[in-house]
Amino acid sequence: MHVLLTPFRRVYRAVVWLANSPRTLILAYALLIIVCSSAYHYFEKSASYGDSLWWAIVTASTVGYGDISPSTWEGRVLAGILISVMVLLVIPLITAHFASKLIVDADAFRHEEQEELKHNLRRVRVLLEALAEREGVTLPDTAVPPAAPGDR
């Protein structure tokens, strides 16, 4: 079973790597256009390379003006693959990347603020225990908080 899932894991890792950088995403889009336009030029003998590039851009953007369309079955399969890859993979990755940049939590604590809060809570706990000892009050047993990553 592990052997069967290995290719899918590699594809998933490649997609994650691709999605995490806008530069690689744009480069992948450009390479997809160039490869598909070259393949279209190869399959459709009557199309010039300029027409093939125009076809790839129009098809990838799913506009489909209809001024250039494949006449061979290879060209039609290529068009289907290009449209599917763009609609199911590239466009959602670009959209998700831009959406993640727009969604920023302004109230989120920075790392330094979190460390300061943890330090202050430890000081309050020590002072509380000292006060309880001085007053002769026993504190209820509480679970010891887990150590901070920097304390391990």
C-alpha atoms as a PDB file:
ATOM      1  CA  MET A   1       0.000   0.000   0.000  1.00  0.00           C
ATOM      2  CA  HIS A   2       2.884   2.323   0.863  1.00  0.00           C
ATOM      3  CA  VAL A   3       4.342   1.795  -2.610  1.00  0.00           C
ATOM      4  CA  LEU A   4       1.045   2.751  -4.219  1.00  0.00           C
ATOM      5  CA  LEU A   5       0.799   6.005  -2.268  1.00  0.00           C
ATOM      6  CA  THR A   6       4.373   7.159  -2.881  1.00  0.00           C
ATOM      7  CA  PRO A   7       3.701   8.870  -6.242  1.00  0.00           C
ATOM      8  CA  PHE A   8       0.724  10.718  -4.780  1.00  0.00           C
ATOM      9  CA  ARG A   9       2.799  11.903  -1.824  1.00  0.00           C
ATOM     10  CA  ARG A  10       5.470  13.198  -4.198  1.00  0.00           C
ATOM     11  CA  VAL A  11       2.871  15.037  -6.264  1.00  0.00           C
ATOM     12  CA  TYR A  12       1.383  16.507  -3.081  1.00  0.00           C
ATOM     13  CA  ARG A  13       4.810  17.685  -1.888  1.00  0.00           C
ATOM     14  CA  ALA A  14       5.471  19.234  -5.291  1.00  0.00           C
ATOM     15  CA  VAL A  15       2.142  21.082  -5.198  1.00  0.00           C
ATOM     16  CA  VAL A  16       2.853  22.359  -1.668  1.00  0.00           C
ATOM     17  CA  TRP A  17       6.327  23.499  -2.738  1.00  0.00           C
ATOM     18  CA  LEU A  18       4.821  25.200  -5.770  1.00  0.00           C
ATOM     19  CA  ALA A  19       2.090  26.923  -3.782  1.00  0.00           C
ATOM     20  CA  ASN A  20       4.375  28.355  -1.110  1.00  0.00           C
ATOM     21  CA  SER A  21       6.230  30.725  -3.403  1.00  0.00           C
ATOM     22  CA  PRO A  22       4.685  33.197  -5.820  1.00  0.00           C
ATOM     23  CA  ARG A  23       7.862  33.112  -7.918  1.00  0.00           C
ATOM     24  CA  THR A  24       7.698  29.361  -8.451  1.00  0.00           C
ATOM     25  CA  LEU A  25       3.990  29.614  -9.151  1.00  0.00           C
ATOM     26  CA  ILE A  26       4.506  32.251 -11.846  1.00  0.00           C
ATOM     27  CA  LEU A  27       7.453  30.316 -13.257  1.00  0.00           C
ATOM     28  CA  ALA A  28       5.357  27.142 -13.382  1.00  0.00           C
ATOM     29  CA  TYR A  29       2.564  29.024 -15.156  1.00  0.00           C
ATOM     30  CA  ALA A  30       5.011  30.404 -17.735  1.00  0.00           C
ATOM     31  CA  LEU A  31       6.578  26.980 -18.279  1.00  0.00           C
ATOM     32  CA  LEU A  32       3.138  25.428 -18.673  1.00  0.00           C
ATOM     33  CA  ILE A  33       2.263  27.972 -21.362  1.00  0.00           C
ATOM     34  CA  ILE A  34       5.570  27.443 -23.193  1.00  0.00           C
ATOM     35  CA  VAL A  35       5.392  23.634 -23.057  1.00  0.00           C
ATOM     36  CA  CYS A  36       1.757  23.551 -24.164  1.00  0.00           C
ATOM     37  CA  SER A  37       2.323  26.042 -26.974  1.00  0.00           C
ATOM     38  CA  SER A  38       5.292  23.977 -28.202  1.00  0.00           C
ATOM     39  CA  ALA A  39       3.224  20.792 -28.072  1.00  0.00           C
ATOM     40  CA  TYR A  40       0.355  22.528 -29.880  1.00  0.00           C
ATOM     41  CA  HIS A  41       2.772  23.748 -32.553  1.00  0.00           C
ATOM     42  CA  TYR A  42       4.011  20.146 -32.941  1.00  0.00           C
ATOM     43  CA  PHE A  43       0.508  18.628 -33.126  1.00  0.00           C
ATOM     44  CA  GLU A  44      -1.073  21.304 -35.310  1.00  0.00           C
ATOM     45  CA  LYS A  45       1.302  21.560 -38.262  1.00  0.00           C
ATOM     46  CA  SER A  46      -0.474  24.555 -39.787  1.00  0.00           C
ATOM     47  CA  ALA A  47      -0.140  26.747 -36.658  1.00  0.00           C
ATOM     48  CA  SER A  48       2.794  29.122 -36.382  1.00  0.00           C
ATOM     49  CA  TYR A  49       4.618  29.348 -33.070  1.00  0.00           C
ATOM     50  CA  GLY A  50       3.055  32.780 -32.426  1.00  0.00           C
ATOM     51  CA  ASP A  51      -0.405  31.337 -33.018  1.00  0.00           C
ATOM     52  CA  SER A  52       0.452  28.396 -30.771  1.00  0.00           C
ATOM     53  CA  LEU A  53       1.557  30.725 -27.990  1.00  0.00           C
ATOM     54  CA  TRP A  54      -1.635  32.765 -28.405  1.00  0.00           C
ATOM     55  CA  TRP A  55      -3.709  29.560 -28.314  1.00  0.00           C
ATOM     56  CA  ALA A  56      -1.979  28.402 -25.101  1.00  0.00           C
ATOM     57  CA  ILE A  57      -2.548  31.731 -23.339  1.00  0.00           C
ATOM     58  CA  VAL A  58      -6.193  31.973 -24.405  1.00  0.00           C
ATOM     59  CA  THR A  59      -6.876  28.331 -23.545  1.00  0.00           C
ATOM     60  CA  ALA A  60      -5.071  28.501 -20.183  1.00  0.00           C
ATOM     61  CA  SER A  61      -7.035  31.572 -19.187  1.00  0.00           C
ATOM     62  CA  THR A  62     -10.196  29.646 -20.171  1.00  0.00           C
ATOM     63  CA  VAL A  63     -11.322  32.553 -22.343  1.00  0.00           C
ATOM     64  CA  GLY A  64     -11.386  30.502 -25.535  1.00  0.00           C
ATOM     65  CA  TYR A  65     -11.979  33.131 -28.202  1.00  0.00           C
ATOM     66  CA  GLY A  66     -12.412  30.442 -30.834  1.00  0.00           C
ATOM     67  CA  ASP A  67     -10.146  32.138 -33.369  1.00  0.00           C
ATOM     68  CA  ILE A  68      -7.678  29.241 -33.023  1.00  0.00           C
ATOM     69  CA  SER A  69      -8.784  25.757 -32.080  1.00  0.00           C
ATOM     70  CA  PRO A  70      -7.202  22.340 -32.394  1.00  0.00           C
ATOM     71  CA  SER A  71      -8.255  20.130 -35.271  1.00  0.00           C
ATOM     72  CA  THR A  72      -6.287  16.992 -34.361  1.00  0.00           C
ATOM     73  CA  TRP A  73      -7.196  14.644 -31.530  1.00  0.00           C
ATOM     74  CA  GLU A  74      -3.784  15.235 -29.929  1.00  0.00           C
ATOM     75  CA  GLY A  75      -4.399  18.979 -29.887  1.00  0.00           C
ATOM     76  CA  ARG A  76      -7.836  18.476 -28.355  1.00  0.00           C
ATOM     77  CA  VAL A  77      -6.431  16.216 -25.633  1.00  0.00           C
ATOM     78  CA  LEU A  78      -3.737  18.832 -24.971  1.00  0.00           C
ATOM     79  CA  ALA A  79      -6.411  21.529 -24.700  1.00  0.00           C
ATOM     80  CA  GLY A  80      -8.368  19.418 -22.221  1.00  0.00           C
ATOM     81  CA  ILE A  81      -5.286  18.796 -20.099  1.00  0.00           C
ATOM     82  CA  LEU A  82      -4.274  22.468 -20.175  1.00  0.00           C
ATOM     83  CA  ILE A  83      -7.735  23.653 -19.179  1.00  0.00           C
ATOM     84  CA  SER A  84      -7.998  21.035 -16.429  1.00  0.00           C
ATOM     85  CA  VAL A  85      -4.593  21.858 -14.964  1.00  0.00           C
ATOM     86  CA  MET A  86      -5.345  25.572 -14.994  1.00  0.00           C
ATOM     87  CA  VAL A  87      -8.844  25.307 -13.527  1.00  0.00           C
ATOM     88  CA  LEU A  88      -8.136  22.593 -10.976  1.00  0.00           C
ATOM     89  CA  LEU A  89      -4.595  23.470  -9.906  1.00  0.00           C
ATOM     90  CA  VAL A  90      -2.951  26.705 -10.995  1.00  0.00           C
ATOM     91  CA  ILE A  91      -5.820  29.186 -10.636  1.00  0.00           C
ATOM     92  CA  PRO A  92      -6.838  27.858  -7.178  1.00  0.00           C
ATOM     93  CA  LEU A  93      -3.201  28.008  -6.019  1.00  0.00           C
ATOM     94  CA  ILE A  94      -2.838  31.610  -7.168  1.00  0.00           C
ATOM     95  CA  THR A  95      -6.163  32.556  -5.577  1.00  0.00           C
ATOM     96  CA  ALA A  96      -5.300  30.825  -2.305  1.00  0.00           C
ATOM     97  CA  HIS A  97      -1.898  32.503  -2.184  1.00  0.00           C
ATOM     98  CA  PHE A  98      -3.357  35.979  -2.614  1.00  0.00           C
ATOM     99  CA  ALA A  99      -6.188  35.257  -0.171  1.00  0.00           C
ATOM    100  CA  SER A 100      -3.721  34.106   2.474  1.00  0.00           C
ATOM    101  CA  LYS A 101      -1.857  37.396   2.100  1.00  0.00           C
ATOM    102  CA  LEU A 102      -5.083  39.348   2.596  1.00  0.00           C
ATOM    103  CA  ILE A 103      -6.095  37.443   5.717  1.00  0.00           C
ATOM    104  CA  VAL A 104      -3.764  38.769   8.382  1.00  0.00           C
ATOM    105  CA  ASP A 105      -4.672  38.686  12.058  1.00  0.00           C
ATOM    106  CA  ALA A 106      -3.662  42.114  13.383  1.00  0.00           C
ATOM    107  CA  ASP A 107      -4.422  40.975  16.943  1.00  0.00           C
ATOM    108  CA  ALA A 108      -2.049  38.014  16.839  1.00  0.00           C
ATOM    109  CA  PHE A 109       0.814  38.116  19.298  1.00  0.00           C
ATOM    110  CA  ARG A 110       4.338  38.290  18.001  1.00  0.00           C
ATOM    111  CA  HIS A 111       6.810  35.698  19.284  1.00  0.00           C
ATOM    112  CA  GLU A 112       8.463  38.224  21.592  1.00  0.00           C
ATOM    113  CA  GLU A 113       5.098  39.158  23.106  1.00  0.00           C
ATOM    114  CA  GLN A 114       4.241  35.504  23.698  1.00  0.00           C
ATOM    115  CA  GLU A 115       7.570  34.924  25.439  1.00  0.00           C
ATOM    116  CA  GLU A 116       7.037  38.005  27.614  1.00  0.00           C
ATOM    117  CA  LEU A 117       3.553  36.788  28.612  1.00  0.00           C
ATOM    118  CA  LYS A 118       4.884  33.342  29.528  1.00  0.00           C
ATOM    119  CA  HIS A 119       7.673  34.930  31.594  1.00  0.00           C
ATOM    120  CA  ASN A 120       5.210  37.208  33.412  1.00  0.00           C
ATOM    121  CA  LEU A 121       2.881  34.288  34.161  1.00  0.00           C
ATOM    122  CA  ARG A 122       5.757  32.326  35.656  1.00  0.00           C
ATOM    123  CA  ARG A 123       6.658  35.316  37.864  1.00  0.00           C
ATOM    124  CA  VAL A 124       3.022  35.675  38.995  1.00  0.00           C
ATOM    125  CA  ARG A 125       2.906  31.966  39.845  1.00  0.00           C
ATOM    126  CA  VAL A 126       6.098  32.235  41.943  1.00  0.00           C
ATOM    127  CA  LEU A 127       4.749  35.311  43.748  1.00  0.00           C
ATOM    128  CA  LEU A 128       1.402  33.594  44.359  1.00  0.00           C
ATOM    129  CA  GLU A 129       3.108  30.538  45.810  1.00  0.00           C
ATOM    130  CA  ALA A 130       5.297  32.752  48.047  1.00  0.00           C
ATOM    131  CA  LEU A 131       2.246  34.700  49.248  1.00  0.00           C
ATOM    132  CA  ALA A 132       0.312  31.502  49.924  1.00  0.00           C
ATOM    133  CA  GLU A 133       3.243  30.080  51.907  1.00  0.00           C
ATOM    134  CA  ARG A 134       3.586  33.268  53.955  1.00  0.00           C
ATOM    135  CA  GLU A 135      -0.129  33.348  54.734  1.00  0.00           C
ATOM    136  CA  GLY A 136      -0.251  29.635  55.478  1.00  0.00           C
ATOM    137  CA  VAL A 137      -2.713  28.935  52.705  1.00  0.00           C
ATOM    138  CA  THR A 138      -2.413  25.761  50.724  1.00  0.00           C
ATOM    139  CA  LEU A 139      -2.959  26.124  47.042  1.00  0.00           C
ATOM    140  CA  PRO A 140      -5.002  23.453  45.319  1.00  0.00           C
ATOM    141  CA  ASP A 141      -2.898  21.097  43.267  1.00  0.00           C
ATOM    142  CA  THR A 142      -2.825  22.260  39.720  1.00  0.00           C
ATOM    143  CA  ALA A 143      -1.282  20.606  36.779  1.00  0.00           C
ATOM    144  CA  VAL A 144       2.172  21.831  36.078  1.00  0.00           C
ATOM    145  CA  PRO A 145       2.083  23.757  32.821  1.00  0.00           C
ATOM    146  CA  PRO A 146       4.165  22.281  30.045  1.00  0.00           C
ATOM    147  CA  ALA A 147       7.596  23.738  29.577  1.00  0.00           C
ATOM    148  CA  ALA A 148       7.985  26.354  26.894  1.00  0.00           C
ATOM    149  CA  PRO A 149       9.874  25.310  23.770  1.00  0.00           C
ATOM    150  CA  GLY A 150      12.815  27.461  24.879  1.00  0.00           C
ATOM    151  CA  ASP A 151      12.867  25.779  28.310  1.00  0.00           C
ATOM    152  CA  ARG A 152      13.246  22.215  27.049  1.00  0.00           C
END
